[in-house]
């Protein structure tokens, strides 16, 4: 009997261990990839004559919100934010006692903010819609929002704002009637809108109040108003150019308004001012402005000294925000303190340009060090003209590349007999010719070029006294060794332009978006980019409306769109020893 009881206890223990092992060991299974499903809602989605202050949406599993505050869009906007939370497998929306507009269709767009609790699978583009009247508005507007400069979508924070008021001030003074949000590609669709005439804008809303009311906010606007009605016709403002296309789009079998294209920009509201001023040596004064001067006619008047002769040489940088003055009169450079009045154009509070005067004081503080015997030596006594080359020693250059030499101070005399360019052929060192050019704006830059031979070794020798500065001191010896590649290493892009708009700038970009070459002129409708290293490139065109040689942003007050840019439709694959020929057509209107 005892033996039977003993065996029974052992059996029970063994069975318990087996059951525990079954429970404690996961058996695995397929990963859940299904999004939660809506079972029902109270009241029903797409209800009319809505009068409750609470909505409950029931789902088939436990869920959570993924960044609801950023993703949820309520259109038209409510005066007070509703309270929204998860309770079990339900979403509760408490609208509160706020008064809703009569006969209005409201849309709560969750986008992908509702996800399951475990895997994060999202319900895509979920909307809860209701009307306070007897019918639901069912029209839509769709389009795309891109950055004007590079035609890429802005990744975060963009809202599309729709107004039934047509006054120009509405984006700054009035809450929008409808709101949409672009996806990652910049595409948007605003559903459940009424038949009416609208203005449309896009905004990266820094303070989240739906107003274009902060300097530096990214913004876009359509030049004209347009009509949305059941027939999907639209009216254009004939006094302005708009960007609506003529083709309709079909989504879910429904014909909707043609694409609206909005191009984002940041207005330049910065007020011109002198950013800083320095005097590193007695002879060199530098003034840096926060942005390029409106007019390059900067007038400079001495305050603490009186002089009638020309007492400086002015050097302006290409971007126009930095001015260098090189003092040529020793009476002036000998002053420890120099006070100047700078007169230039700047905007006033009304946006108009006025002549403005800035006073700047520049003090020279001598930098000196001690020698081993305690004697002091001034930096000023080290009178050697420093030359800085654009390439490193033993580097490789392209066949169309020029070697740039920049001097520390302006140059007065160039002795070309002390500048040699050698070509190495076998064991021979041949003195070959070169072209030396002085930059028309950056007066301290000099460019060396020649018809470079392929796969060749060169040496540039600049002997002492080749360059003499305006202060009568010379350079030290500079020797640069460099070589060229074989020509069959390079590729070429040949672009045939079918139609050429006025003031077109064509840029060649690398795969990082950096500008490698730029063309503003061409012959026989052909643009050639030669001696290109193998790689991926893109072509970008800028419609240079104001002929200033660069892309310019827009301004809403002036009703000025940012300058238009377009990209060639395909990425260009440049291969070694290959000519890539393409045709590119432009709109000329």
Protein backbone atom coordinates (compact mmCIF):
# COMPACT_ATOMS: atom_id res chain seq x y z
CA UNK A 1 0.00 0.00 0.00
CA UNK A 2 2.76 2.37 0.90
CA UNK A 3 4.52 1.45 -2.31
CA UNK A 4 1.38 2.34 -4.32
CA UNK A 5 1.06 5.71 -2.58
CA UNK A 6 4.72 6.39 -3.20
CA UNK A 7 4.40 5.64 -6.94
CA UNK A 8 1.29 7.83 -7.18
CA UNK A 9 3.08 10.79 -5.60
CA UNK A 10 5.99 10.37 -8.00
CA UNK A 11 3.59 10.35 -10.97
CA UNK A 12 1.90 13.53 -9.75
CA UNK A 13 5.26 15.30 -9.35
CA UNK A 14 6.38 14.25 -12.84
CA UNK A 15 3.12 15.45 -14.42
CA UNK A 16 3.42 18.77 -12.56
CA UNK A 17 6.96 19.30 -13.88
CA UNK A 18 5.81 18.54 -17.44
CA UNK A 19 2.88 20.98 -17.19
CA UNK A 20 5.12 23.69 -15.76
CA UNK A 21 7.56 23.20 -18.60
CA UNK A 22 4.72 23.54 -21.12
CA UNK A 23 3.47 26.75 -19.55
CA UNK A 24 6.89 28.32 -18.96
CA UNK A 25 8.41 27.62 -22.38
CA UNK A 26 7.28 29.93 -25.22
CA UNK A 27 6.27 28.10 -28.36
CA UNK A 28 6.78 31.06 -30.69
CA UNK A 29 4.60 31.98 -33.64
CA UNK A 30 4.22 34.43 -36.49
CA UNK A 31 4.74 38.11 -35.78
CA UNK A 32 1.58 40.20 -35.67
CA UNK A 33 1.56 42.47 -38.73
CA UNK A 34 -2.14 43.36 -38.76
CA UNK A 35 -3.36 46.81 -37.80
CA UNK A 36 -6.15 47.20 -35.24
CA UNK A 37 -9.70 47.25 -36.60
CA UNK A 38 -12.57 49.55 -35.74
CA UNK A 39 -15.55 47.52 -34.50
CA UNK A 40 -18.00 50.35 -34.00
CA UNK A 41 -18.27 53.91 -32.76
CA UNK A 42 -20.84 55.79 -30.72
CA UNK A 43 -22.21 57.79 -32.44
CA UNK A 44 -21.54 56.22 -35.84
CA UNK A 45 -18.80 57.56 -38.03
CA UNK A 46 -20.19 59.95 -40.69
CA UNK A 47 -23.16 60.85 -38.48
CA UNK A 48 -25.34 63.87 -39.23
CA UNK A 49 -27.16 66.17 -36.80
CA UNK A 50 -24.35 65.56 -34.33
CA UNK A 51 -25.24 66.93 -30.88
CA UNK A 52 -23.30 64.93 -28.29
CA UNK A 53 -20.16 65.98 -26.45
CA UNK A 54 -18.58 62.52 -26.30
CA UNK A 55 -17.39 60.03 -28.93
CA UNK A 56 -16.36 56.44 -28.24
CA UNK A 57 -14.49 54.39 -30.85
CA UNK A 58 -14.28 50.65 -30.09
CA UNK A 59 -11.49 48.45 -31.51
CA UNK A 60 -10.75 44.72 -31.66
CA UNK A 61 -7.58 44.89 -29.53
CA UNK A 62 -5.69 47.00 -27.05
CA UNK A 63 -4.15 50.09 -28.63
CA UNK A 64 -2.04 53.10 -27.80
CA UNK A 65 -1.31 56.48 -29.39
CA UNK A 66 1.87 57.22 -31.31
CA UNK A 67 2.60 60.96 -31.06
CA UNK A 68 -1.06 61.90 -31.16
CA UNK A 69 -0.46 65.54 -30.31
CA UNK A 70 1.67 66.04 -33.41
CA UNK A 71 -0.35 63.91 -35.81
CA UNK A 72 -4.01 64.61 -34.96
CA UNK A 73 -5.62 67.28 -37.15
CA UNK A 74 -9.14 68.56 -36.44
CA UNK A 75 -10.78 70.44 -39.29
CA UNK A 76 -12.33 72.96 -38.90
CA UNK A 77 -10.26 73.68 -35.76
CA UNK A 78 -12.10 73.62 -32.45
CA UNK A 79 -11.88 76.58 -30.10
CA UNK A 80 -10.78 74.21 -27.31
CA UNK A 81 -8.73 71.04 -27.64
CA UNK A 82 -10.83 67.95 -26.90
CA UNK A 83 -9.73 65.44 -24.28
CA UNK A 84 -8.69 62.21 -26.02
CA UNK A 85 -7.55 59.07 -24.20
CA UNK A 86 -7.48 55.27 -24.41
CA UNK A 87 -9.77 53.20 -22.16
CA UNK A 88 -9.33 49.45 -22.58
CA UNK A 89 -9.95 48.73 -26.26
CA UNK A 90 -11.70 52.05 -26.84
CA UNK A 91 -10.78 55.62 -27.72
CA UNK A 92 -12.71 58.26 -25.80
CA UNK A 93 -13.06 61.78 -27.24
CA UNK A 94 -14.56 64.40 -24.93
CA UNK A 95 -15.43 67.48 -26.93
CA UNK A 96 -16.77 69.28 -23.88
CA UNK A 97 -19.37 72.00 -23.80
CA UNK A 98 -17.81 74.15 -26.53
CA UNK A 99 -20.19 75.33 -29.21
CA UNK A 100 -19.77 73.74 -32.64
CA UNK A 101 -20.56 75.57 -35.87
CA UNK A 102 -23.99 74.98 -37.36
CA UNK A 103 -24.35 72.92 -40.55
CA UNK A 104 -20.66 72.12 -40.56
CA UNK A 105 -18.81 68.91 -41.32
CA UNK A 106 -15.97 68.16 -38.87
CA UNK A 107 -13.12 65.76 -39.60
CA UNK A 108 -10.80 64.30 -36.97
CA UNK A 109 -7.80 62.96 -38.93
CA UNK A 110 -5.66 60.59 -36.89
CA UNK A 111 -3.36 59.67 -39.77
CA UNK A 112 -1.19 56.83 -38.33
CA UNK A 113 -1.40 57.84 -34.65
CA UNK A 114 -3.47 54.77 -33.59
CA UNK A 115 -1.28 51.66 -33.20
CA UNK A 116 -1.67 48.28 -31.54
CA UNK A 117 -0.26 47.92 -28.06
CA UNK A 118 2.43 45.32 -28.78
CA UNK A 119 3.82 45.58 -32.32
CA UNK A 120 2.95 49.18 -33.14
CA UNK A 121 0.96 48.35 -36.29
CA UNK A 122 -0.86 51.52 -37.30
CA UNK A 123 -4.32 52.20 -38.71
CA UNK A 124 -3.54 54.23 -41.82
CA UNK A 125 -5.30 57.54 -42.47
CA UNK A 126 -8.18 56.96 -40.09
CA UNK A 127 -10.76 59.78 -39.98
CA UNK A 128 -13.78 60.25 -37.77
CA UNK A 129 -16.32 62.50 -39.50
CA UNK A 130 -19.56 64.05 -38.35
CA UNK A 131 -21.84 66.92 -39.32
CA UNK A 132 -23.79 69.29 -37.11
CA UNK A 133 -26.29 69.64 -39.95
CA UNK A 134 -28.45 67.28 -41.97
CA UNK A 135 -25.82 66.52 -44.63
CA UNK A 136 -22.12 65.75 -44.90
CA UNK A 137 -19.81 67.82 -47.06
CA UNK A 138 -17.95 65.43 -49.34
CA UNK A 139 -15.66 67.45 -51.61
CA UNK A 140 -11.87 67.29 -51.43
CA UNK A 141 -8.72 69.21 -52.28
CA UNK A 142 -5.45 67.41 -52.91
CA UNK A 143 -1.96 68.46 -53.85
CA UNK A 144 1.69 68.50 -52.90
CA UNK A 145 3.90 70.75 -50.74
CA UNK A 146 7.63 70.92 -51.48
CA UNK A 147 10.55 73.15 -50.52
CA UNK A 148 11.04 75.73 -53.24
CA UNK A 149 14.84 75.54 -53.24
CA UNK A 150 15.30 71.81 -53.80
CA UNK A 151 11.77 70.46 -54.45
CA UNK A 152 12.04 68.08 -51.51
CA UNK A 153 9.28 67.56 -48.91
CA UNK A 154 9.69 69.17 -45.50
CA UNK A 155 9.78 66.29 -43.05
CA UNK A 156 8.00 67.73 -40.04
CA UNK A 157 5.41 70.21 -38.88
CA UNK A 158 3.78 71.33 -42.15
CA UNK A 159 0.07 72.19 -42.20
CA UNK A 160 -2.04 72.98 -45.25
CA UNK A 161 -4.52 75.75 -44.44
CA UNK A 162 -7.73 76.35 -46.38
CA UNK A 163 -9.80 79.55 -46.01
CA UNK A 164 -13.20 80.55 -47.36
CA UNK A 165 -12.26 84.20 -46.80
CA UNK A 166 -10.28 85.66 -49.70
CA UNK A 167 -8.57 88.62 -48.05
CA UNK A 168 -4.77 88.63 -48.26
CA UNK A 169 -4.46 89.01 -44.48
CA UNK A 170 -6.23 85.75 -43.56
CA UNK A 171 -3.13 83.59 -42.88
CA UNK A 172 -1.97 86.18 -40.34
CA UNK A 173 -5.29 87.20 -38.75
CA UNK A 174 -7.87 84.42 -39.13
CA UNK A 175 -8.02 80.75 -38.11
CA UNK A 176 -8.29 78.43 -41.13
CA UNK A 177 -11.58 76.79 -42.03
CA UNK A 178 -9.92 73.46 -42.92
CA UNK A 179 -6.54 71.94 -42.14
CA UNK A 180 -4.58 69.13 -43.77
CA UNK A 181 -1.21 67.51 -43.22
CA UNK A 182 1.19 66.32 -45.95
CA UNK A 183 2.65 62.83 -45.87
CA UNK A 184 6.36 62.00 -46.08
CA UNK A 185 6.35 62.72 -49.82
CA UNK A 186 4.64 66.08 -49.33
CA UNK A 187 1.27 64.94 -50.68
CA UNK A 188 -1.93 65.96 -48.94
CA UNK A 189 -5.67 65.59 -49.25
CA UNK A 190 -8.24 67.60 -47.31
CA UNK A 191 -11.56 65.76 -47.26
CA UNK A 192 -15.15 66.61 -46.36
CA UNK A 193 -15.09 70.25 -47.42
CA UNK A 194 -17.98 72.34 -48.67
CA UNK A 195 -18.50 73.84 -52.11
CA UNK A 196 -16.98 77.32 -52.03
CA UNK A 197 -14.17 79.58 -53.22
CA UNK A 198 -10.96 79.17 -51.21
CA UNK A 199 -7.47 80.49 -50.56
CA UNK A 200 -4.82 77.91 -49.70
CA UNK A 201 -1.52 78.16 -47.83
CA UNK A 202 1.06 75.89 -46.21
CA UNK A 203 2.82 76.67 -42.95
CA UNK A 204 5.44 75.17 -40.65
CA UNK A 205 3.73 76.50 -37.56
CA UNK A 206 6.39 77.28 -34.99
CA UNK A 207 4.01 78.19 -32.14
CA UNK A 208 1.18 75.82 -33.24
CA UNK A 209 -1.52 78.49 -33.42
CA UNK A 210 -2.28 78.08 -37.17
CA UNK A 211 -1.22 81.69 -37.89
CA UNK A 212 1.62 82.90 -40.11
CA UNK A 213 2.74 85.31 -37.42
CA UNK A 214 6.40 84.59 -36.65
CA UNK A 215 9.52 85.66 -38.48
CA UNK A 216 11.33 82.61 -39.79
CA UNK A 217 8.26 80.38 -40.22
CA UNK A 218 8.34 78.30 -43.39
CA UNK A 219 5.43 79.35 -45.63
CA UNK A 220 3.85 78.78 -49.05
CA UNK A 221 0.95 80.37 -50.87
CA UNK A 222 -1.01 79.96 -54.07
CA UNK A 223 -1.26 83.20 -56.06
CA UNK A 224 -4.97 82.85 -56.77
CA UNK A 225 -8.18 81.72 -55.15
CA UNK A 226 -10.08 78.75 -56.62
CA UNK A 227 -13.59 77.35 -56.62
CA UNK A 228 -14.42 73.85 -55.35
CA UNK A 229 -17.81 72.50 -56.38
CA UNK A 230 -19.44 69.20 -57.24
CA UNK A 231 -18.43 69.45 -60.91
CA UNK A 232 -14.81 69.91 -59.72
CA UNK A 233 -14.42 73.06 -61.77
CA UNK A 234 -12.26 75.83 -60.38
CA UNK A 235 -11.90 79.54 -61.02
CA UNK A 236 -8.58 81.28 -61.39
CA UNK A 237 -7.57 84.79 -60.48
CA UNK A 238 -6.79 86.13 -63.94
CA UNK A 239 -4.57 88.87 -62.53
CA UNK A 240 -2.06 86.41 -61.10
CA UNK A 241 -0.25 83.27 -62.13
CA UNK A 242 -1.18 80.18 -60.14
CA UNK A 243 0.25 76.70 -59.97
CA UNK A 244 -2.89 74.60 -60.44
CA UNK A 245 -2.50 71.93 -63.08
CA UNK A 246 -5.20 71.19 -65.64
CA UNK A 247 -5.50 67.44 -65.11
CA UNK A 248 -7.95 65.90 -62.68
CA UNK A 249 -7.02 63.02 -60.39
CA UNK A 250 -9.11 60.02 -59.43
CA UNK A 251 -8.89 58.57 -55.89
CA UNK A 252 -11.12 55.65 -54.89
CA UNK A 253 -13.18 56.22 -58.02
CA UNK A 254 -13.92 59.84 -57.12
CA UNK A 255 -12.83 62.69 -59.34
CA UNK A 256 -11.24 65.46 -57.28
CA UNK A 257 -9.77 68.92 -57.74
CA UNK A 258 -6.58 69.09 -59.83
CA UNK A 259 -3.35 69.04 -57.85
CA UNK A 260 -2.43 72.16 -55.94
CA UNK A 261 1.31 72.72 -55.88
CA UNK A 262 2.72 74.77 -53.02
CA UNK A 263 6.37 75.74 -52.68
CA UNK A 264 7.77 76.43 -49.23
CA UNK A 265 10.17 79.24 -48.44
CA UNK A 266 11.39 81.35 -45.52
CA UNK A 267 11.11 85.11 -45.95
CA UNK A 268 14.22 87.18 -45.44
CA UNK A 269 13.19 89.65 -42.75
CA UNK A 270 16.62 90.17 -41.24
CA UNK A 271 17.49 93.84 -40.86
CA UNK A 272 20.83 94.88 -42.34
CA UNK A 273 23.47 95.56 -39.71
CA UNK A 274 27.22 95.53 -39.19
CA UNK A 275 27.92 92.14 -37.61
CA UNK A 276 31.50 92.76 -36.52
CA UNK A 277 34.63 94.73 -37.37
CA UNK A 278 38.27 93.75 -36.80
CA UNK A 279 41.78 95.16 -37.17
CA UNK A 280 44.30 92.32 -36.92
CA UNK A 281 47.16 94.39 -38.32
CA UNK A 282 47.72 98.12 -38.59
CA UNK A 283 47.03 98.05 -42.32
CA UNK A 284 44.03 95.72 -42.47
CA UNK A 285 40.44 96.68 -41.52
CA UNK A 286 37.60 94.22 -42.02
CA UNK A 287 33.84 94.86 -41.75
CA UNK A 288 31.42 91.90 -41.84
CA UNK A 289 27.67 92.49 -42.35
CA UNK A 290 24.94 89.99 -41.45
CA UNK A 291 23.96 89.69 -45.13
CA UNK A 292 25.06 91.11 -48.49
CA UNK A 293 24.57 94.84 -48.86
CA UNK A 294 21.58 95.94 -50.94
CA UNK A 295 23.85 98.30 -52.81
CA UNK A 296 27.61 97.85 -53.01
CA UNK A 297 28.03 101.61 -52.79
CA UNK A 298 29.32 101.63 -49.24
CA UNK A 299 30.49 105.14 -48.37
CA UNK A 300 33.35 105.35 -45.87
CA UNK A 301 34.07 108.65 -44.11
CA UNK A 302 36.90 109.22 -41.57
CA UNK A 303 35.81 110.66 -38.21
CA UNK A 304 38.99 111.09 -36.15
CA UNK A 305 41.38 112.08 -38.94
CA UNK A 306 41.25 114.36 -41.94
CA UNK A 307 42.62 113.24 -45.29
CA UNK A 308 41.81 114.11 -48.90
CA UNK A 309 43.90 111.61 -50.89
CA UNK A 310 42.93 107.99 -51.45
CA UNK A 311 43.99 106.25 -48.24
CA UNK A 312 42.82 102.66 -48.75
CA UNK A 313 42.24 99.89 -51.26
CA UNK A 314 38.82 98.21 -50.97
CA UNK A 315 38.34 94.48 -51.45
CA UNK A 316 34.83 93.01 -51.69
CA UNK A 317 33.99 89.34 -51.43
CA UNK A 318 31.70 87.73 -54.00
CA UNK A 319 28.84 87.19 -51.54
CA UNK A 320 28.95 90.89 -50.67
CA UNK A 321 28.75 90.64 -46.89
CA UNK A 322 32.45 91.25 -46.14
CA UNK A 323 34.49 94.37 -46.90
CA UNK A 324 38.28 94.54 -46.50
CA UNK A 325 40.10 97.86 -46.35
CA UNK A 326 43.86 97.85 -46.89
CA UNK A 327 45.32 101.12 -45.60
CA UNK A 328 47.84 102.66 -47.99
CA UNK A 329 48.60 105.87 -46.12
CA UNK A 330 51.14 105.37 -43.32
CA UNK A 331 49.73 108.36 -41.41
CA UNK A 332 46.40 106.54 -41.11
CA UNK A 333 47.83 103.06 -40.46
CA UNK A 334 50.03 104.57 -37.76
CA UNK A 335 46.98 105.55 -35.71
CA UNK A 336 46.20 103.16 -32.86
CA UNK A 337 42.53 104.19 -33.02
CA UNK A 338 40.50 104.68 -36.21
CA UNK A 339 36.87 105.81 -36.21
CA UNK A 340 34.85 105.62 -39.44
CA UNK A 341 31.30 106.35 -40.55
CA UNK A 342 29.79 103.71 -42.85
CA UNK A 343 26.82 104.76 -45.00
CA UNK A 344 24.72 102.05 -46.69
CA UNK A 345 21.13 101.11 -47.55
CA UNK A 346 18.99 99.19 -45.06
CA UNK A 347 15.26 98.55 -44.54
CA UNK A 348 13.25 100.64 -42.12
CA UNK A 349 10.27 99.42 -40.06
CA UNK A 350 7.94 99.84 -43.06
CA UNK A 351 10.10 97.68 -45.32
CA UNK A 352 11.45 100.59 -47.39
CA UNK A 353 15.16 101.07 -48.02
CA UNK A 354 16.75 104.14 -46.46
CA UNK A 355 20.29 105.45 -46.22
CA UNK A 356 21.76 104.49 -42.85
CA UNK A 357 24.96 105.55 -41.08
CA UNK A 358 26.94 103.28 -38.75
CA UNK A 359 29.91 104.43 -36.69
CA UNK A 360 32.69 101.91 -36.14
CA UNK A 361 35.82 102.24 -34.01
CA UNK A 362 38.81 99.98 -34.71
CA UNK A 363 41.72 99.82 -32.28
CA UNK A 364 45.05 98.19 -33.06
CA UNK A 365 46.68 96.28 -30.21
CA UNK A 366 50.26 95.24 -30.94
CA UNK A 367 50.95 91.53 -30.47
CA UNK A 368 54.51 90.89 -29.42
CA UNK A 369 56.48 87.97 -28.02
CA UNK A 370 59.76 87.49 -26.19
CA UNK A 371 62.92 86.02 -27.63
CA UNK A 372 65.20 83.75 -25.66
CA UNK A 373 67.10 86.77 -24.24
CA UNK A 374 63.97 88.55 -23.12
CA UNK A 375 63.90 90.96 -26.07
CA UNK A 376 60.52 91.84 -27.55
CA UNK A 377 59.78 91.29 -31.24
CA UNK A 378 56.68 92.70 -32.94
CA UNK A 379 54.66 90.68 -35.38
CA UNK A 380 54.68 93.77 -37.60
CA UNK A 381 58.41 93.38 -38.21
CA UNK A 382 57.90 89.99 -39.85
CA UNK A 383 57.43 91.46 -43.33
CA UNK A 384 56.98 88.42 -45.55
CA UNK A 385 54.17 88.09 -48.08
CA UNK A 386 52.40 84.81 -47.32
CA UNK A 387 51.10 82.87 -50.35
CA UNK A 388 48.42 80.17 -49.91
CA UNK A 389 47.79 77.70 -52.78
CA UNK A 390 44.40 76.06 -53.49
CA UNK A 391 45.95 72.59 -53.79
CA UNK A 392 48.23 70.55 -51.57
CA UNK A 393 51.68 69.42 -52.59
CA UNK A 394 51.69 66.15 -54.58
CA UNK A 395 47.96 66.40 -55.30
CA UNK A 396 46.04 65.57 -58.47
CA UNK A 397 44.18 68.15 -60.59
CA UNK A 398 41.58 67.96 -63.37
CA UNK A 399 42.39 69.07 -66.94
CA UNK A 400 40.12 72.13 -66.68
CA UNK A 401 41.25 73.10 -63.19
CA UNK A 402 43.07 76.32 -62.37
CA UNK A 403 45.54 76.60 -59.49
CA UNK A 404 44.65 79.51 -57.25
CA UNK A 405 47.26 81.37 -55.23
CA UNK A 406 45.99 83.77 -52.56
CA UNK A 407 48.24 86.44 -51.06
CA UNK A 408 47.95 87.65 -47.49
CA UNK A 409 47.83 91.30 -48.57
CA UNK A 410 47.15 92.99 -51.94
CA UNK A 411 49.91 92.73 -54.54
CA UNK A 412 51.34 95.70 -56.39
CA UNK A 413 54.05 94.12 -58.55
CA UNK A 414 54.27 90.68 -60.19
CA UNK A 415 57.59 89.55 -61.65
CA UNK A 416 56.70 86.65 -63.95
CA UNK A 417 60.39 85.91 -64.59
CA UNK A 418 60.45 84.49 -61.05
CA UNK A 419 57.50 82.18 -61.69
CA UNK A 420 58.16 78.90 -63.51
CA UNK A 421 55.89 76.03 -64.52
CA UNK A 422 57.76 72.81 -65.31
CA UNK A 423 56.54 69.71 -67.13
CA UNK A 424 58.36 66.43 -66.48
CA UNK A 425 58.84 64.21 -69.53
CA UNK A 426 60.87 61.08 -68.89
CA UNK A 427 64.02 62.44 -67.27
CA UNK A 428 63.55 65.95 -68.67
CA UNK A 429 62.24 68.99 -66.80
CA UNK A 430 60.72 71.31 -69.39
CA UNK A 431 59.93 74.96 -68.72
CA UNK A 432 56.41 75.35 -70.15
CA UNK A 433 54.17 78.37 -70.53
CA UNK A 434 51.24 79.38 -68.36
CA UNK A 435 48.45 81.94 -68.08
CA UNK A 436 48.26 84.10 -64.95
CA UNK A 437 44.94 85.85 -64.23
CA UNK A 438 44.05 88.25 -61.42
CA UNK A 439 40.54 87.95 -59.94
CA UNK A 440 38.47 91.03 -60.76
CA UNK A 441 36.75 91.13 -57.34
CA UNK A 442 38.94 89.19 -54.93
CA UNK A 443 42.06 91.21 -55.60
CA UNK A 444 44.37 88.89 -53.62
CA UNK A 445 43.60 85.82 -55.75
CA UNK A 446 45.62 84.77 -58.81
CA UNK A 447 44.85 81.84 -61.13
CA UNK A 448 47.43 79.75 -62.99
CA UNK A 449 46.37 77.63 -65.95
CA UNK A 450 47.67 76.04 -69.12
CA UNK A 451 46.68 73.29 -71.52
CA UNK A 452 47.42 70.50 -69.08
CA UNK A 453 48.68 67.29 -70.63
CA UNK A 454 47.12 64.05 -69.48
CA UNK A 455 48.84 61.73 -67.03
CA UNK A 456 51.63 64.26 -66.60
CA UNK A 457 53.70 65.54 -63.70
CA UNK A 458 54.12 69.30 -63.13
CA UNK A 459 55.93 71.60 -60.78
CA UNK A 460 55.04 75.23 -60.07
CA UNK A 461 57.95 77.27 -58.67
CA UNK A 462 57.41 80.76 -57.25
CA UNK A 463 60.71 82.35 -56.27
CA UNK A 464 61.24 85.18 -53.75
CA UNK A 465 60.28 88.54 -55.21
CA UNK A 466 57.72 87.11 -57.65
CA UNK A 467 54.99 88.96 -55.75
CA UNK A 468 55.55 92.32 -54.08
CA UNK A 469 52.83 93.63 -51.80
CA UNK A 470 51.51 97.17 -51.69
CA UNK A 471 53.54 97.44 -48.48
CA UNK A 472 56.75 96.60 -50.38
CA UNK A 473 57.57 93.16 -48.98
CA UNK A 474 57.99 89.92 -50.89
CA UNK A 475 57.06 86.26 -50.84
CA UNK A 476 59.23 83.32 -49.82
CA UNK A 477 59.88 80.39 -52.16
CA UNK A 478 56.83 78.24 -52.90
CA UNK A 479 57.19 74.91 -54.75
CA UNK A 480 54.15 72.80 -55.70
CA UNK A 481 54.36 69.34 -57.26
CA UNK A 482 51.18 67.93 -58.81
CA UNK A 483 49.97 65.68 -61.63
CA UNK A 484 47.05 65.12 -63.97
CA UNK A 485 44.98 62.00 -64.74
CA UNK A 486 44.51 60.25 -68.04
CA UNK A 487 41.72 61.87 -70.08
CA UNK A 488 39.88 58.58 -70.49
CA UNK A 489 39.22 58.60 -66.74
CA UNK A 490 36.66 61.41 -67.19
CA UNK A 491 33.14 61.52 -68.59
CA UNK A 492 31.10 64.31 -70.14
CA UNK A 493 27.49 65.50 -69.98
CA UNK A 494 26.11 67.23 -73.06
CA UNK A 495 22.73 68.92 -72.62
CA UNK A 496 20.65 70.06 -75.59
CA UNK A 497 18.12 72.72 -74.56
CA UNK A 498 14.91 72.61 -76.59
CA UNK A 499 13.52 75.86 -75.16
CA UNK A 500 15.59 78.36 -73.18
CA UNK A 501 13.87 80.79 -70.79
CA UNK A 502 15.48 84.14 -70.07
CA UNK A 503 18.00 84.33 -67.21
CA UNK A 504 18.40 80.60 -66.73
CA UNK A 505 21.07 79.19 -64.41
CA UNK A 506 21.94 75.50 -64.89
CA UNK A 507 23.78 73.76 -62.05
CA UNK A 508 25.44 70.35 -61.92
CA UNK A 509 25.03 68.72 -58.50
CA UNK A 510 26.80 65.69 -57.07
CA UNK A 511 25.01 62.91 -55.18
CA UNK A 512 25.22 64.97 -51.96
CA UNK A 513 23.44 67.95 -53.54
CA UNK A 514 26.56 70.13 -53.67
CA UNK A 515 26.98 72.41 -56.70
CA UNK A 516 30.01 71.24 -58.70
CA UNK A 517 29.60 73.36 -61.85
CA UNK A 518 27.34 76.20 -62.97
CA UNK A 519 26.48 77.57 -66.41
CA UNK A 520 24.73 80.80 -67.36
CA UNK A 521 25.70 80.94 -71.03
CA UNK A 522 25.72 78.48 -73.94
CA UNK A 523 26.05 78.25 -77.71
CA UNK A 524 23.66 76.59 -80.15
CA UNK A 525 21.37 75.50 -77.29
CA UNK A 526 24.09 73.22 -75.90
CA UNK A 527 25.54 73.05 -72.42
CA UNK A 528 28.59 70.88 -71.79
CA UNK A 529 30.03 69.74 -68.48
CA UNK A 530 33.44 68.28 -69.28
CA UNK A 531 36.14 66.37 -67.37
CA UNK A 532 33.72 64.91 -64.85
CA UNK A 533 34.95 62.20 -62.47
CA UNK A 534 32.77 59.05 -62.68
CA UNK A 535 29.76 59.21 -60.39
CA UNK A 536 26.12 60.15 -59.97
CA UNK A 537 25.00 63.69 -60.85
CA UNK A 538 21.82 65.75 -61.07
CA UNK A 539 20.93 68.80 -63.14
CA UNK A 540 19.13 71.75 -61.56
CA UNK A 541 17.83 74.88 -63.30
CA UNK A 542 17.01 78.19 -61.61
CA UNK A 543 14.78 80.76 -63.28
CA UNK A 544 16.79 83.81 -62.23
CA UNK A 545 13.92 86.29 -62.31
CA UNK A 546 15.84 89.32 -61.02
CA UNK A 547 19.08 88.52 -62.90
CA UNK A 548 21.29 88.55 -59.81
CA UNK A 549 22.96 85.22 -60.51
CA UNK A 550 21.49 83.27 -57.58
CA UNK A 551 18.27 81.76 -56.23
CA UNK A 552 16.04 84.16 -54.26
CA UNK A 553 13.37 83.39 -51.69
CA UNK A 554 9.78 84.68 -51.76
CA UNK A 555 7.86 87.33 -49.86
CA UNK A 556 4.13 87.10 -49.12
CA UNK A 557 3.57 90.83 -48.47
CA UNK A 558 5.09 91.61 -51.88
CA UNK A 559 3.16 88.69 -53.46
CA UNK A 560 6.48 87.39 -54.71
CA UNK A 561 6.92 83.65 -55.11
CA UNK A 562 10.39 82.14 -54.59
CA UNK A 563 12.30 81.80 -57.82
CA UNK A 564 11.29 78.68 -59.67
CA UNK A 565 13.63 75.70 -59.84
CA UNK A 566 13.32 72.44 -61.73
CA UNK A 567 15.42 69.28 -61.84
CA UNK A 568 16.14 67.03 -64.78
CA UNK A 569 13.87 64.03 -64.32
CA UNK A 570 16.63 61.39 -64.03
CA UNK A 571 19.82 60.97 -62.08
CA UNK A 572 22.79 61.01 -64.44
CA UNK A 573 25.35 58.22 -64.25
CA UNK A 574 28.66 59.51 -65.59
CA UNK A 575 31.07 56.76 -66.58
CA UNK A 576 34.74 56.75 -67.46
CA UNK A 577 35.52 57.70 -71.08
CA UNK A 578 31.85 58.22 -71.94
CA UNK A 579 29.77 61.13 -73.31
CA UNK A 580 26.26 61.25 -71.89
CA UNK A 581 23.89 63.22 -74.18
CA UNK A 582 20.45 64.32 -72.99
CA UNK A 583 17.67 66.67 -74.11
CA UNK A 584 15.98 69.02 -71.67
CA UNK A 585 12.88 71.07 -72.40
CA UNK A 586 11.88 74.14 -70.38
CA UNK A 587 8.71 76.14 -69.95
CA UNK A 588 9.34 79.62 -71.32
CA UNK A 589 6.27 81.32 -69.82
